[in-house]
Protein backbone atom coordinates (compact mmCIF):
# COMPACT_ATOMS: atom_id res chain seq x y z
CA UNK A 1 0.00 0.00 0.00
CA UNK A 2 1.33 3.40 -0.93
CA UNK A 3 1.95 6.10 1.64
CA UNK A 4 -0.04 9.30 1.68
CA UNK A 5 0.96 12.57 0.07
CA UNK A 6 0.41 16.03 1.44
CA UNK A 7 0.33 18.74 -1.15
CA UNK A 8 -0.67 22.34 -0.53
CA UNK A 9 -1.08 25.09 -3.02
CA UNK A 10 -0.59 28.64 -1.80
CA UNK A 11 -1.24 31.76 -3.81
CA UNK A 12 0.91 34.62 -2.62
CA UNK A 13 1.08 37.82 -4.61
CA UNK A 14 0.06 35.97 -7.76
CA UNK A 15 2.81 33.35 -7.38
CA UNK A 16 1.80 29.74 -6.73
CA UNK A 17 4.06 27.81 -4.42
CA UNK A 18 3.77 24.03 -4.45
CA UNK A 19 4.74 22.24 -1.27
CA UNK A 20 4.49 18.51 -1.78
CA UNK A 21 5.94 15.72 0.35
CA UNK A 22 6.12 12.88 -2.09
CA UNK A 23 5.17 9.28 -1.54
CA UNK A 24 4.06 6.53 -3.87
CA UNK A 25 0.90 5.42 -5.66
CA UNK A 26 -1.77 7.17 -3.64
CA UNK A 27 -5.27 6.08 -4.72
CA UNK A 28 -7.17 9.13 -5.92
CA UNK A 29 -10.57 9.97 -7.30
CA UNK A 30 -10.37 12.45 -10.15
CA UNK A 31 -13.18 13.80 -12.28
CA UNK A 32 -12.03 13.13 -15.84
CA UNK A 33 -15.35 13.74 -17.56
CA UNK A 34 -14.56 16.00 -20.53
CA UNK A 35 -16.52 19.26 -20.31
CA UNK A 36 -18.64 20.32 -23.24
CA UNK A 37 -16.92 23.06 -25.19
CA UNK A 38 -18.66 26.40 -24.90
CA UNK A 39 -16.65 27.95 -27.69
CA UNK A 40 -14.66 26.79 -30.69
CA UNK A 41 -10.90 27.23 -30.47
CA UNK A 42 -8.83 27.90 -33.59
CA UNK A 43 -5.94 25.52 -32.94
CA UNK A 44 -6.47 21.90 -32.00
CA UNK A 45 -3.54 20.16 -30.35
CA UNK A 46 -3.11 16.56 -31.51
CA UNK A 47 -2.37 13.91 -28.91
CA UNK A 48 1.31 12.98 -28.61
CA UNK A 49 0.66 9.43 -29.80
CA UNK A 50 2.11 7.89 -26.64
CA UNK A 51 0.13 4.79 -25.62
CA UNK A 52 2.79 2.88 -23.65
CA UNK A 53 2.75 3.16 -19.88
CA UNK A 54 6.02 3.72 -18.00
CA UNK A 55 4.86 3.99 -14.39
CA UNK A 56 2.17 2.75 -12.01
CA UNK A 57 1.57 6.32 -10.84
CA UNK A 58 -1.55 7.79 -12.39
CA UNK A 59 -1.30 10.83 -14.64
CA UNK A 60 1.37 10.02 -17.20
CA UNK A 61 0.78 10.88 -20.86
CA UNK A 62 -0.60 7.46 -21.86
CA UNK A 63 -3.37 7.75 -19.26
CA UNK A 64 -5.03 10.41 -21.44
CA UNK A 65 -5.93 10.43 -25.11
CA UNK A 66 -7.04 13.92 -26.13
CA UNK A 67 -7.48 14.61 -29.86
CA UNK A 68 -5.98 11.30 -31.01
CA UNK A 69 -3.60 11.46 -33.96
CA UNK A 70 -5.71 11.23 -37.12
CA UNK A 71 -4.73 11.69 -40.76
CA UNK A 72 -6.47 11.39 -44.11
CA UNK A 73 -4.28 10.31 -47.01
CA UNK A 74 -5.62 12.23 -50.01
CA UNK A 75 -4.00 10.00 -52.68
CA UNK A 76 -2.54 13.02 -54.45
CA UNK A 77 0.77 13.31 -52.64
CA UNK A 78 -0.80 15.11 -49.68
CA UNK A 79 -2.09 14.14 -46.24
CA UNK A 80 -4.51 16.08 -44.04
CA UNK A 81 -4.17 16.28 -40.27
CA UNK A 82 -7.75 15.87 -39.06
CA UNK A 83 -7.02 17.56 -35.73
CA UNK A 84 -5.25 20.72 -36.88
CA UNK A 85 -6.82 20.85 -40.36
CA UNK A 86 -3.40 21.41 -41.94
CA UNK A 87 -2.50 19.71 -45.21
CA UNK A 88 1.01 18.27 -45.45
CA UNK A 89 3.29 17.14 -48.22
CA UNK A 90 3.23 13.37 -47.80
CA UNK A 91 6.73 12.68 -49.10
CA UNK A 92 9.85 14.16 -47.55
CA UNK A 93 11.46 16.65 -49.94
CA UNK A 94 14.99 15.77 -48.83
CA UNK A 95 17.98 17.69 -47.49
CA UNK A 96 18.59 21.32 -48.41
CA UNK A 97 19.60 24.63 -46.86
CA UNK A 98 17.04 26.77 -45.08
CA UNK A 99 17.09 29.36 -47.84
CA UNK A 100 16.48 26.72 -50.51
CA UNK A 101 13.75 25.18 -48.36
CA UNK A 102 11.80 28.46 -48.34
CA UNK A 103 12.13 28.79 -52.12
CA UNK A 104 11.23 25.14 -52.66
CA UNK A 105 7.97 25.48 -50.75
CA UNK A 106 7.02 28.71 -52.48
CA UNK A 107 7.51 27.07 -55.90
CA UNK A 108 5.84 23.76 -55.03
CA UNK A 109 2.78 22.64 -57.01
CA UNK A 110 1.30 19.54 -55.40
CA UNK A 111 -2.21 18.07 -55.32
CA UNK A 112 -3.47 20.94 -57.51
CA UNK A 113 -2.37 23.47 -54.88
CA UNK A 114 0.31 26.13 -55.16
CA UNK A 115 0.05 27.83 -51.74
CA UNK A 116 2.58 25.62 -49.98
CA UNK A 117 4.96 27.06 -47.39
CA UNK A 118 7.51 26.05 -44.80
CA UNK A 119 5.69 25.25 -41.53
CA UNK A 120 6.01 27.28 -38.36
CA UNK A 121 7.74 25.67 -35.37
CA UNK A 122 4.42 24.98 -33.64
CA UNK A 123 2.98 23.41 -36.81
CA UNK A 124 6.06 21.28 -37.36
CA UNK A 125 6.05 19.99 -33.79
CA UNK A 126 2.35 19.10 -34.12
CA UNK A 127 3.12 16.10 -36.37
CA UNK A 128 5.75 14.59 -34.07
CA UNK A 129 4.60 11.19 -32.84
CA UNK A 130 6.08 10.58 -29.38
CA UNK A 131 4.97 6.96 -29.57
CA UNK A 132 7.71 6.42 -32.15
CA UNK A 133 11.34 7.38 -32.63
CA UNK A 134 13.90 7.78 -35.42
CA UNK A 135 11.77 9.15 -36.89
CA UNK A 136 9.07 10.34 -34.48
CA UNK A 137 6.45 10.44 -37.24
CA UNK A 138 3.31 8.53 -38.26
CA UNK A 139 5.13 6.68 -41.04
CA UNK A 140 2.66 3.82 -41.50
CA UNK A 141 -0.56 5.83 -41.39
CA UNK A 142 0.35 9.21 -42.86
CA UNK A 143 3.81 9.80 -44.24
CA UNK A 144 5.46 7.57 -46.81
CA UNK A 145 9.19 7.21 -46.26
CA UNK A 146 10.98 4.20 -44.85
CA UNK A 147 13.80 6.36 -43.54
CA UNK A 148 15.97 3.52 -42.29
CA UNK A 149 15.87 1.79 -45.67
CA UNK A 150 16.46 5.04 -47.56
CA UNK A 151 19.15 6.59 -45.37
CA UNK A 152 20.32 4.19 -42.67
CA UNK A 153 20.31 4.45 -38.88
CA UNK A 154 23.37 6.71 -38.59
CA UNK A 155 21.83 9.28 -40.95
CA UNK A 156 18.50 9.24 -39.09
CA UNK A 157 20.20 10.07 -35.80
CA UNK A 158 21.30 13.36 -37.41
CA UNK A 159 18.02 14.06 -39.23
CA UNK A 160 16.08 17.32 -38.76
CA UNK A 161 13.27 19.27 -40.47
CA UNK A 162 13.21 23.02 -41.12
CA UNK A 163 10.58 25.42 -39.85
CA UNK A 164 10.11 28.97 -41.08
CA UNK A 165 10.81 30.48 -37.65
CA UNK A 166 14.19 32.02 -36.81
CA UNK A 167 15.34 32.10 -33.21
CA UNK A 168 14.21 35.30 -31.49
CA UNK A 169 17.69 36.73 -31.05
CA UNK A 170 19.30 35.85 -34.41
CA UNK A 171 18.43 35.04 -38.02
CA UNK A 172 21.43 32.70 -38.12
CA UNK A 173 19.44 30.03 -36.29
CA UNK A 174 16.12 28.44 -37.20
CA UNK A 175 13.72 26.22 -35.29
CA UNK A 176 13.85 22.58 -36.36
CA UNK A 177 12.41 19.28 -35.20
CA UNK A 178 14.58 16.18 -35.03
CA UNK A 179 13.98 12.51 -35.73
CA UNK A 180 14.16 11.73 -32.03
CA UNK A 181 11.08 13.88 -31.34
CA UNK A 182 12.48 17.14 -29.96
CA UNK A 183 12.55 20.70 -31.22
CA UNK A 184 15.01 23.56 -30.88
CA UNK A 185 16.87 26.27 -32.81
CA UNK A 186 19.96 25.24 -34.77
CA UNK A 187 22.56 27.15 -36.73
CA UNK A 188 21.41 27.25 -40.36
CA UNK A 189 24.85 26.44 -41.73
CA UNK A 190 24.92 23.07 -39.92
CA UNK A 191 23.13 21.16 -42.67
CA UNK A 192 25.29 19.03 -44.95
CA UNK A 193 24.72 20.92 -48.22
CA UNK A 194 25.50 24.29 -46.62
CA UNK A 195 29.16 23.30 -46.32
CA UNK A 196 29.85 19.97 -48.06
CA UNK A 197 32.46 17.89 -46.30
CA UNK A 198 32.44 20.09 -43.21
CA UNK A 199 31.46 18.76 -39.80
CA UNK A 200 30.19 20.73 -36.85
CA UNK A 201 32.13 21.65 -33.73
CA UNK A 202 30.94 18.41 -32.16
CA UNK A 203 32.26 16.37 -35.10
CA UNK A 204 28.78 15.55 -36.42
CA UNK A 205 27.29 16.05 -39.88
CA UNK A 206 23.60 16.95 -39.77
CA UNK A 207 20.92 16.66 -42.42
CA UNK A 208 18.07 19.18 -42.45
CA UNK A 209 15.08 18.11 -44.55
CA UNK A 210 11.88 19.76 -45.75
CA UNK A 211 8.17 18.93 -45.52
CA UNK A 212 5.82 21.59 -46.88
CA UNK A 213 2.45 22.51 -45.40
CA UNK A 214 -0.57 24.53 -46.43
CA UNK A 215 -3.51 26.08 -44.57
CA UNK A 216 -6.82 24.64 -45.75
CA UNK A 217 -9.18 26.86 -43.74
CA UNK A 218 -7.92 30.15 -42.31
CA UNK A 219 -8.88 30.10 -38.61
CA UNK A 220 -10.35 33.03 -36.73
CA UNK A 221 -7.60 34.22 -34.40
CA UNK A 222 -8.84 35.72 -31.11
CA UNK A 223 -7.57 39.22 -30.41
CA UNK A 224 -6.32 38.07 -27.01
CA UNK A 225 -4.17 34.93 -26.82
CA UNK A 226 -4.48 34.46 -23.06
CA UNK A 227 -7.19 35.43 -20.60
CA UNK A 228 -6.35 35.84 -16.93
CA UNK A 229 -9.32 34.31 -15.13
CA UNK A 230 -8.61 36.14 -11.88
CA UNK A 231 -8.44 32.94 -9.82
CA UNK A 232 -4.86 31.82 -10.34
CA UNK A 233 -5.62 30.31 -13.74
CA UNK A 234 -5.14 31.39 -17.36
CA UNK A 235 -7.14 30.29 -20.42
CA UNK A 236 -5.34 29.86 -23.73
CA UNK A 237 -7.84 31.20 -26.26
CA UNK A 238 -5.98 29.46 -29.10
CA UNK A 239 -6.14 25.90 -27.73
CA UNK A 240 -8.81 26.03 -25.02
CA UNK A 241 -6.39 24.75 -22.38
CA UNK A 242 -6.62 26.20 -18.87
CA UNK A 243 -3.32 26.60 -17.01
CA UNK A 244 -2.25 27.52 -13.52
CA UNK A 245 -0.88 31.02 -13.88
CA UNK A 246 2.43 30.39 -12.17
CA UNK A 247 5.17 27.81 -12.06
CA UNK A 248 6.01 25.93 -8.89
CA UNK A 249 8.63 27.44 -6.61
CA UNK A 250 9.97 23.98 -5.77
CA UNK A 251 11.44 21.27 -7.99
CA UNK A 252 10.35 17.65 -8.25
CA UNK A 253 11.39 14.39 -9.81
CA UNK A 254 9.09 13.21 -12.57
CA UNK A 255 7.34 10.70 -10.29
CA UNK A 256 6.93 13.36 -7.59
CA UNK A 257 5.33 15.69 -10.15
CA UNK A 258 2.67 13.11 -11.01
CA UNK A 259 2.04 12.38 -7.33
CA UNK A 260 1.71 16.08 -6.51
CA UNK A 261 -1.05 16.77 -9.04
CA UNK A 262 -2.89 13.60 -7.90
CA UNK A 263 -2.77 14.85 -4.32
CA UNK A 264 -4.00 18.28 -5.36
CA UNK A 265 -7.04 16.80 -7.11
CA UNK A 266 -7.76 14.40 -4.26
CA UNK A 267 -7.68 17.28 -1.77
CA UNK A 268 -10.39 19.21 -3.61
CA UNK A 269 -8.50 20.57 -6.59
CA UNK A 270 -7.84 24.19 -7.40
CA UNK A 271 -10.11 27.01 -8.62
CA UNK A 272 -13.07 24.66 -8.28
CA UNK A 273 -11.60 22.06 -10.67
CA UNK A 274 -10.38 18.55 -9.81
CA UNK A 275 -9.10 17.39 -13.21
CA UNK A 276 -5.70 19.07 -13.22
CA UNK A 277 -2.84 17.13 -14.76
CA UNK A 278 0.78 17.41 -15.74
CA UNK A 279 0.78 18.63 -19.37
CA UNK A 280 2.02 16.40 -22.16
CA UNK A 281 4.97 17.72 -24.12
CA UNK A 282 2.82 19.01 -27.01
CA UNK A 283 0.71 21.03 -24.58
CA UNK A 284 3.77 22.33 -22.75
CA UNK A 285 5.43 23.49 -25.97
CA UNK A 286 2.20 25.26 -27.00
CA UNK A 287 3.08 27.88 -24.36
CA UNK A 288 6.35 28.71 -26.13
CA UNK A 289 6.42 31.91 -28.16
CA UNK A 290 9.36 31.58 -30.55
CA UNK A 291 9.54 35.37 -30.93
CA UNK A 292 10.51 35.65 -27.24
CA UNK A 293 13.52 34.63 -25.15
CA UNK A 294 14.49 34.73 -21.48
CA UNK A 295 11.79 33.64 -20.93
CA UNK A 296 10.22 32.14 -24.04
CA UNK A 297 6.76 32.24 -22.41
CA UNK A 298 4.69 35.41 -22.02
CA UNK A 299 5.78 36.73 -18.61
CA UNK A 300 3.00 39.31 -18.63
CA UNK A 301 0.55 36.42 -18.27
CA UNK A 302 2.54 33.67 -16.55
CA UNK A 303 4.78 34.12 -13.53
CA UNK A 304 8.16 32.55 -14.22
CA UNK A 305 10.21 34.94 -12.12
CA UNK A 306 11.29 32.15 -9.78
CA UNK A 307 13.43 30.77 -12.62
CA UNK A 308 15.75 33.76 -12.80
CA UNK A 309 18.66 33.63 -13.49
CA UNK A 310 18.30 31.33 -16.49
CA UNK A 311 21.84 30.02 -16.70
CA UNK A 312 21.96 26.24 -16.35
CA UNK A 313 24.22 25.11 -13.49
CA UNK A 314 26.98 22.57 -13.95
CA UNK A 315 24.82 19.75 -12.56
CA UNK A 316 22.18 17.48 -14.03
CA UNK A 317 19.42 19.50 -12.39
CA UNK A 318 18.22 22.37 -14.56
CA UNK A 319 16.37 25.24 -12.80
CA UNK A 320 15.12 26.36 -16.21
CA UNK A 321 13.48 23.00 -17.01
CA UNK A 322 9.80 22.06 -16.67
CA UNK A 323 8.44 18.50 -16.67
CA UNK A 324 5.88 17.10 -19.09
CA UNK A 325 3.94 13.88 -18.54
CA UNK A 326 5.46 12.33 -21.68
CA UNK A 327 8.11 9.64 -21.31
CA UNK A 328 10.93 9.13 -23.78
CA UNK A 329 9.88 6.33 -26.15
CA UNK A 330 11.21 2.96 -25.01
CA UNK A 331 13.13 4.63 -22.23
CA UNK A 332 15.11 1.71 -20.74
CA UNK A 333 14.89 0.74 -17.05
CA UNK A 334 17.58 2.34 -14.94
CA UNK A 335 17.97 5.38 -17.22
CA UNK A 336 14.28 6.24 -17.47
CA UNK A 337 13.78 9.59 -19.20
CA UNK A 338 10.92 12.02 -19.83
CA UNK A 339 10.41 14.96 -22.16
CA UNK A 340 10.66 18.46 -20.76
CA UNK A 341 10.77 22.10 -21.68
CA UNK A 342 14.50 21.83 -21.23
CA UNK A 343 15.33 25.51 -21.10
CA UNK A 344 12.64 28.06 -20.40
CA UNK A 345 14.93 30.79 -21.65
CA UNK A 346 15.10 29.50 -25.24
CA UNK A 347 12.14 27.07 -25.38
CA UNK A 348 14.03 23.97 -26.47
CA UNK A 349 12.23 20.63 -26.03
CA UNK A 350 14.50 17.79 -24.94
CA UNK A 351 14.52 15.12 -22.21
CA UNK A 352 16.07 14.39 -18.82
CA UNK A 353 16.39 11.46 -16.48
CA UNK A 354 13.24 11.19 -14.39
CA UNK A 355 15.24 11.46 -11.18
CA UNK A 356 16.21 15.03 -12.11
CA UNK A 357 14.60 17.88 -10.16
CA UNK A 358 12.53 20.19 -12.35
CA UNK A 359 9.68 22.65 -11.95
CA UNK A 360 6.06 21.91 -12.76
CA UNK A 361 2.91 23.58 -14.00
CA UNK A 362 -0.56 22.03 -14.25
CA UNK A 363 -3.19 22.13 -16.99
CA UNK A 364 -6.72 20.99 -17.65
CA UNK A 365 -9.11 20.83 -20.63
CA UNK A 366 -8.29 20.53 -24.28
CA UNK A 367 -11.01 17.96 -24.89
């Protein structure tokens, strides 16, 4: 039988402080009945695709399926994401520089359409399937390439896809996803064709590919992205998700983070709601504004002041990191890892060992 958890949530001058003494596998009763949507939100967030369980503690990514991955193959070289409504080029266009990628998409005529473009970072991350790896894509149901047969395992480990978004502080870097499932900003000149025969400072040759996208229906964008609800929560008017308005003061291991939100719900919840959860990595990245840095999340809406300064210390623990509920695919026993917002200064999505101490934020909704 698991021991009990005590978890208190205190709101002091608009900053939430989580105090949670962790124990294991507390039985909880949580209301998970999806509420009926009162309004229509312009941007649906697809599920991460993770269906494998990695812990007995309730609340990991695979315990929830919200907007399951769903694609329609249009049999004309295109595929439609039924959650976001975006239409994608089904076949990978191959390796090229960022500049050539932009020109390629602008000139592309595919499926009787000529309004193709390079996807934004948020759009590109939306097709990552965290229930797969190398590549983290829906290869069997949506996209066509057998990457291992075409390129080999060594190539795939250095495989990335361009977005149209530069990093906020420099046009020399662009946001890219990688075959492992993460996203971050890389130097544009790192791709193989930018400097043939040249390797990076780490001795690696990288290959940046292209997959074009087009908007099928132009969504209505609310004038206000976030609404402060005046009760310690914030509503994202783009996705419909409701967030706590501040990050925890304390840090937790991944298991402790799951236990803490379970204890919160069991004790009566917060702001009248008892279906709070640790966000999956897609939801967590939806908070990132790639036009901002230090922090990469709107600090006029969310309180992230407890993370200053943003410099990562010379230890495994990263004060600028925030846990998601999503485990690293096939994370082996003994080195179990989970996805996180690895650096809240820049917005990079990576992963850490679950025993690392990171901050947390809770979310609800999205159904």
